[in-house]
PDB file of N, CA and C in Angstrom:
ATOM      1  N   MET A   1    -160.033  32.025 140.433  1.00  0.00           N
ATOM      2  CA  MET A   1    -160.338  31.338 141.665  1.00  0.00           C
ATOM      3  C   MET A   1    -159.056  31.256 142.501  1.00  0.00           C
ATOM      4  N   ALA A   2    -159.162  31.598 143.772  1.00  0.00           N
ATOM      5  CA  ALA A   2    -158.004  31.596 144.671  1.00  0.00           C
ATOM      6  C   ALA A   2    -157.657  30.174 145.112  1.00  0.00           C
ATOM      7  N   ALA A   3    -156.378  29.943 145.274  1.00  0.00           N
ATOM      8  CA  ALA A   3    -155.915  28.628 145.738  1.00  0.00           C
ATOM      9  C   ALA A   3    -156.251  28.463 147.214  1.00  0.00           C
ATOM     10  N   GLN A   4    -156.688  27.273 147.576  1.00  0.00           N
ATOM     11  CA  GLN A   4    -156.977  26.958 148.971  1.00  0.00           C
ATOM     12  C   GLN A   4    -155.878  26.044 149.492  1.00  0.00           C
ATOM     13  N   PRO A   5    -155.219  26.454 150.579  1.00  0.00           N
ATOM     14  CA  PRO A   5    -154.162  25.602 151.138  1.00  0.00           C
ATOM     15  C   PRO A   5    -154.682  24.198 151.434  1.00  0.00           C
ATOM     16  N   ARG A   6    -153.833  23.221 151.235  1.00  0.00           N
ATOM     17  CA  ARG A   6    -154.174  21.812 151.459  1.00  0.00           C
ATOM     18  C   ARG A   6    -153.274  21.239 152.542  1.00  0.00           C
ATOM     19  N   GLU A   7    -153.808  20.299 153.280  1.00  0.00           N
ATOM     20  CA  GLU A   7    -153.006  19.595 154.267  1.00  0.00           C
ATOM     21  C   GLU A   7    -152.538  18.288 153.646  1.00  0.00           C
ATOM     22  N   ILE A   8    -151.257  18.080 153.645  1.00  0.00           N
ATOM     23  CA  ILE A   8    -150.706  16.828 153.135  1.00  0.00           C
ATOM     24  C   ILE A   8    -150.453  15.935 154.335  1.00  0.00           C
ATOM     25  N   ARG A   9    -151.137  14.820 154.354  1.00  0.00           N
ATOM     26  CA  ARG A   9    -150.966  13.871 155.455  1.00  0.00           C
ATOM     27  C   ARG A   9    -150.109  12.708 154.986  1.00  0.00           C
ATOM     28  N   ARG A  10    -149.237  12.264 155.858  1.00  0.00           N
ATOM     29  CA  ARG A  10    -148.359  11.145 155.523  1.00  0.00           C
ATOM     30  C   ARG A  10    -148.968   9.851 156.044  1.00  0.00           C
ATOM     31  N   TYR A  11    -148.924   8.830 155.208  1.00  0.00           N
ATOM     32  CA  TYR A  11    -149.396   7.503 155.606  1.00  0.00           C
ATOM     33  C   TYR A  11    -148.373   6.896 156.555  1.00  0.00           C
ATOM     34  N   VAL A  12    -148.849   6.444 157.704  1.00  0.00           N
ATOM     35  CA  VAL A  12    -147.990   5.800 158.691  1.00  0.00           C
ATOM     36  C   VAL A  12    -148.514   4.389 158.909  1.00  0.00           C
ATOM     37  N   THR A  13    -147.643   3.399 158.755  1.00  0.00           N
ATOM     38  CA  THR A  13    -148.048   2.007 158.943  1.00  0.00           C
ATOM     39  C   THR A  13    -148.256   1.725 160.428  1.00  0.00           C
ATOM     40  N   SER A  14    -148.826   0.576 160.724  1.00  0.00           N
ATOM     41  CA  SER A  14    -149.100   0.215 162.117  1.00  0.00           C
ATOM     42  C   SER A  14    -147.826   0.094 162.949  1.00  0.00           C
ATOM     43  N   ASP A  15    -146.700  -0.152 162.280  1.00  0.00           N
ATOM     44  CA  ASP A  15    -145.442  -0.236 163.026  1.00  0.00           C
ATOM     45  C   ASP A  15    -144.666   1.085 163.007  1.00  0.00           C
ATOM     46  N   GLY A  16    -145.344   2.163 162.600  1.00  0.00           N
ATOM     47  CA  GLY A  16    -144.762   3.500 162.676  1.00  0.00           C
ATOM     48  C   GLY A  16    -143.897   3.923 161.506  1.00  0.00           C
ATOM     49  N   LYS A  17    -143.861   3.132 160.454  1.00  0.00           N
ATOM     50  CA  LYS A  17    -143.051   3.487 159.283  1.00  0.00           C
ATOM     51  C   LYS A  17    -143.831   4.417 158.359  1.00  0.00           C
ATOM     52  N   VAL A  18    -143.101   5.271 157.657  1.00  0.00           N
ATOM     53  CA  VAL A  18    -143.696   6.196 156.689  1.00  0.00           C
ATOM     54  C   VAL A  18    -143.094   5.844 155.327  1.00  0.00           C
ATOM     55  N   PRO A  19    -143.784   4.970 154.556  1.00  0.00           N
ATOM     56  CA  PRO A  19    -143.221   4.477 153.292  1.00  0.00           C
ATOM     57  C   PRO A  19    -142.798   5.578 152.317  1.00  0.00           C
ATOM     58  N   PHE A  20    -143.592   6.626 152.187  1.00  0.00           N
ATOM     59  CA  PHE A  20    -143.236   7.691 151.245  1.00  0.00           C
ATOM     60  C   PHE A  20    -141.933   8.367 151.664  1.00  0.00           C
ATOM     61  N   ALA A  21    -141.791   8.660 152.941  1.00  0.00           N
ATOM     62  CA  ALA A  21    -140.570   9.302 153.431  1.00  0.00           C
ATOM     63  C   ALA A  21    -139.366   8.386 153.229  1.00  0.00           C
ATOM     64  N   GLN A  22    -139.566   7.100 153.465  1.00  0.00           N
ATOM     65  CA  GLN A  22    -138.472   6.148 153.255  1.00  0.00           C
ATOM     66  C   GLN A  22    -138.069   6.106 151.782  1.00  0.00           C
ATOM     67  N   TRP A  23    -139.068   6.110 150.906  1.00  0.00           N
ATOM     68  CA  TRP A  23    -138.788   6.093 149.474  1.00  0.00           C
ATOM     69  C   TRP A  23    -138.059   7.369 149.064  1.00  0.00           C
ATOM     70  N   LEU A  24    -138.563   8.512 149.521  1.00  0.00           N
ATOM     71  CA  LEU A  24    -137.949   9.787 149.161  1.00  0.00           C
ATOM     72  C   LEU A  24    -136.510   9.856 149.673  1.00  0.00           C
ATOM     73  N   ASP A  25    -136.291   9.401 150.885  1.00  0.00           N
ATOM     74  CA  ASP A  25    -134.934   9.387 151.448  1.00  0.00           C
ATOM     75  C   ASP A  25    -134.002   8.463 150.665  1.00  0.00           C
ATOM     76  N   SER A  26    -134.564   7.417 150.066  1.00  0.00           N
ATOM     77  CA  SER A  26    -133.733   6.456 149.333  1.00  0.00           C
ATOM     78  C   SER A  26    -133.330   6.952 147.944  1.00  0.00           C
ATOM     79  N   LEU A  27    -133.983   7.999 147.451  1.00  0.00           N
ATOM     80  CA  LEU A  27    -133.641   8.528 146.128  1.00  0.00           C
ATOM     81  C   LEU A  27    -132.241   9.125 146.150  1.00  0.00           C
ATOM     82  N   ARG A  28    -131.468   8.800 145.146  1.00  0.00           N
ATOM     83  CA  ARG A  28    -130.106   9.332 145.051  1.00  0.00           C
ATOM     84  C   ARG A  28    -130.049  10.570 144.172  1.00  0.00           C
ATOM     85  N   ASP A  29    -131.056  10.714 143.321  1.00  0.00           N
ATOM     86  CA  ASP A  29    -131.092  11.839 142.384  1.00  0.00           C
ATOM     87  C   ASP A  29    -131.559  13.100 143.123  1.00  0.00           C
ATOM     88  N   ILE A  30    -130.630  13.994 143.402  1.00  0.00           N
ATOM     89  CA  ILE A  30    -130.932  15.214 144.152  1.00  0.00           C
ATOM     90  C   ILE A  30    -131.928  16.090 143.392  1.00  0.00           C
ATOM     91  N   LYS A  31    -131.795  16.150 142.055  1.00  0.00           N
ATOM     92  CA  LYS A  31    -132.730  16.948 141.250  1.00  0.00           C
ATOM     93  C   LYS A  31    -134.153  16.422 141.409  1.00  0.00           C
ATOM     94  N   ALA A  32    -134.308  15.114 141.382  1.00  0.00           N
ATOM     95  CA  ALA A  32    -135.636  14.508 141.528  1.00  0.00           C
ATOM     96  C   ALA A  32    -136.205  14.804 142.909  1.00  0.00           C
ATOM     97  N   LYS A  33    -135.398  14.654 143.940  1.00  0.00           N
ATOM     98  CA  LYS A  33    -135.847  14.953 145.307  1.00  0.00           C
ATOM     99  C   LYS A  33    -136.315  16.399 145.420  1.00  0.00           C
ATOM    100  N   THR A  34    -135.543  17.303 144.824  1.00  0.00           N
ATOM    101  CA  THR A  34    -135.874  18.725 144.876  1.00  0.00           C
ATOM    102  C   THR A  34    -137.183  19.000 144.156  1.00  0.00           C
ATOM    103  N   LYS A  35    -137.355  18.414 142.972  1.00  0.00           N
ATOM    104  CA  LYS A  35    -138.596  18.620 142.209  1.00  0.00           C
ATOM    105  C   LYS A  35    -139.806  18.101 142.971  1.00  0.00           C
ATOM    106  N   ILE A  36    -139.672  16.942 143.592  1.00  0.00           N
ATOM    107  CA  ILE A  36    -140.772  16.360 144.361  1.00  0.00           C
ATOM    108  C   ILE A  36    -141.108  17.260 145.541  1.00  0.00           C
ATOM    109  N   ALA A  37    -140.091  17.742 146.252  1.00  0.00           N
ATOM    110  CA  ALA A  37    -140.315  18.625 147.403  1.00  0.00           C
ATOM    111  C   ALA A  37    -140.979  19.928 146.966  1.00  0.00           C
ATOM    112  N   GLN A  38    -140.539  20.493 145.849  1.00  0.00           N
ATOM    113  CA  GLN A  38    -141.143  21.724 145.340  1.00  0.00           C
ATOM    114  C   GLN A  38    -142.607  21.502 144.971  1.00  0.00           C
ATOM    115  N   ARG A  39    -142.880  20.389 144.322  1.00  0.00           N
ATOM    116  CA  ARG A  39    -144.256  20.095 143.911  1.00  0.00           C
ATOM    117  C   ARG A  39    -145.157  19.916 145.125  1.00  0.00           C
ATOM    118  N   LEU A  40    -144.676  19.201 146.133  1.00  0.00           N
ATOM    119  CA  LEU A  40    -145.468  19.013 147.347  1.00  0.00           C
ATOM    120  C   LEU A  40    -145.704  20.337 148.064  1.00  0.00           C
ATOM    121  N   ASN A  41    -144.725  21.229 148.031  1.00  0.00           N
ATOM    122  CA  ASN A  41    -144.915  22.555 148.625  1.00  0.00           C
ATOM    123  C   ASN A  41    -145.999  23.330 147.894  1.00  0.00           C
ATOM    124  N   ARG A  42    -146.022  23.246 146.565  1.00  0.00           N
ATOM    125  CA  ARG A  42    -147.070  23.928 145.797  1.00  0.00           C
ATOM    126  C   ARG A  42    -148.444  23.343 146.104  1.00  0.00           C
ATOM    127  N   VAL A  43    -148.529  22.020 146.212  1.00  0.00           N
ATOM    128  CA  VAL A  43    -149.803  21.379 146.565  1.00  0.00           C
ATOM    129  C   VAL A  43    -150.241  21.845 147.945  1.00  0.00           C
ATOM    130  N   ASN A  44    -149.314  21.909 148.876  1.00  0.00           N
ATOM    131  CA  ASN A  44    -149.606  22.351 150.236  1.00  0.00           C
ATOM    132  C   ASN A  44    -150.173  23.772 150.246  1.00  0.00           C
ATOM    133  N   LEU A  45    -149.714  24.610 149.316  1.00  0.00           N
ATOM    134  CA  LEU A  45    -150.201  25.981 149.210  1.00  0.00           C
ATOM    135  C   LEU A  45    -151.527  26.066 148.455  1.00  0.00           C
ATOM    136  N   GLY A  46    -151.976  24.948 147.909  1.00  0.00           N
ATOM    137  CA  GLY A  46    -153.246  24.918 147.201  1.00  0.00           C
ATOM    138  C   GLY A  46    -153.127  24.949 145.696  1.00  0.00           C
ATOM    139  N   ASN A  47    -151.921  24.986 145.174  1.00  0.00           N
ATOM    140  CA  ASN A  47    -151.706  25.000 143.732  1.00  0.00           C
ATOM    141  C   ASN A  47    -151.604  23.560 143.244  1.00  0.00           C
ATOM    142  N   LEU A  48    -152.721  23.042 142.740  1.00  0.00           N
ATOM    143  CA  LEU A  48    -152.752  21.657 142.282  1.00  0.00           C
ATOM    144  C   LEU A  48    -152.338  21.506 140.828  1.00  0.00           C
ATOM    145  N   GLY A  49    -152.030  22.617 140.181  1.00  0.00           N
ATOM    146  CA  GLY A  49    -151.598  22.553 138.793  1.00  0.00           C
ATOM    147  C   GLY A  49    -152.780  22.418 137.847  1.00  0.00           C
ATOM    148  N   ASP A  50    -152.498  22.029 136.628  1.00  0.00           N
ATOM    149  CA  ASP A  50    -153.517  21.868 135.600  1.00  0.00           C
ATOM    150  C   ASP A  50    -154.059  20.445 135.674  1.00  0.00           C
ATOM    151  N   TYR A  51    -155.292  20.310 136.095  1.00  0.00           N
ATOM    152  CA  TYR A  51    -155.873  18.979 136.230  1.00  0.00           C
ATOM    153  C   TYR A  51    -157.357  19.030 135.896  1.00  0.00           C
ATOM    154  N   LYS A  52    -157.912  17.880 135.634  1.00  0.00           N
ATOM    155  CA  LYS A  52    -159.345  17.747 135.395  1.00  0.00           C
ATOM    156  C   LYS A  52    -159.874  16.696 136.345  1.00  0.00           C
ATOM    157  N   SER A  53    -160.983  16.996 136.963  1.00  0.00           N
ATOM    158  CA  SER A  53    -161.592  16.052 137.890  1.00  0.00           C
ATOM    159  C   SER A  53    -162.203  14.893 137.114  1.00  0.00           C
ATOM    160  N   ALA A  54    -162.017  13.702 137.603  1.00  0.00           N
ATOM    161  CA  ALA A  54    -162.611  12.528 136.965  1.00  0.00           C
ATOM    162  C   ALA A  54    -164.129  12.570 137.084  1.00  0.00           C
ATOM    163  N   LEU A  55    -164.636  13.252 138.091  1.00  0.00           N
ATOM    164  CA  LEU A  55    -166.081  13.329 138.297  1.00  0.00           C
ATOM    165  C   LEU A  55    -166.763  14.267 137.312  1.00  0.00           C
ATOM    166  N   SER A  56    -166.017  15.201 136.729  1.00  0.00           N
ATOM    167  CA  SER A  56    -166.633  16.166 135.825  1.00  0.00           C
ATOM    168  C   SER A  56    -166.610  15.713 134.369  1.00  0.00           C
ATOM    169  N   ARG A  57    -166.037  14.555 134.104  1.00  0.00           N
ATOM    170  CA  ARG A  57    -165.961  14.060 132.731  1.00  0.00           C
ATOM    171  C   ARG A  57    -167.325  13.593 132.242  1.00  0.00           C
ATOM    172  N   SER A  58    -167.601  13.871 130.995  1.00  0.00           N
ATOM    173  CA  SER A  58    -168.827  13.376 130.370  1.00  0.00           C
ATOM    174  C   SER A  58    -168.560  11.996 129.802  1.00  0.00           C
ATOM    175  N   LEU A  59    -169.490  11.096 130.014  1.00  0.00           N
ATOM    176  CA  LEU A  59    -169.323   9.740 129.480  1.00  0.00           C
ATOM    177  C   LEU A  59    -170.044   9.590 128.172  1.00  0.00           C
TER     178      LEU A  59
END
């Protein structure tokens, strides 16, 4: 199955702040920042990794 590109939308508060961006900017660990950015780029390209939908689980 081919990957479908995804749009990543950023949450913006009513006063115009972007909490995720603020958090990411506050990280001091460059390796962690890089890994997060790489992962978000893969998600943006449609590569969600190995996951299972909660809706497809049998109860």
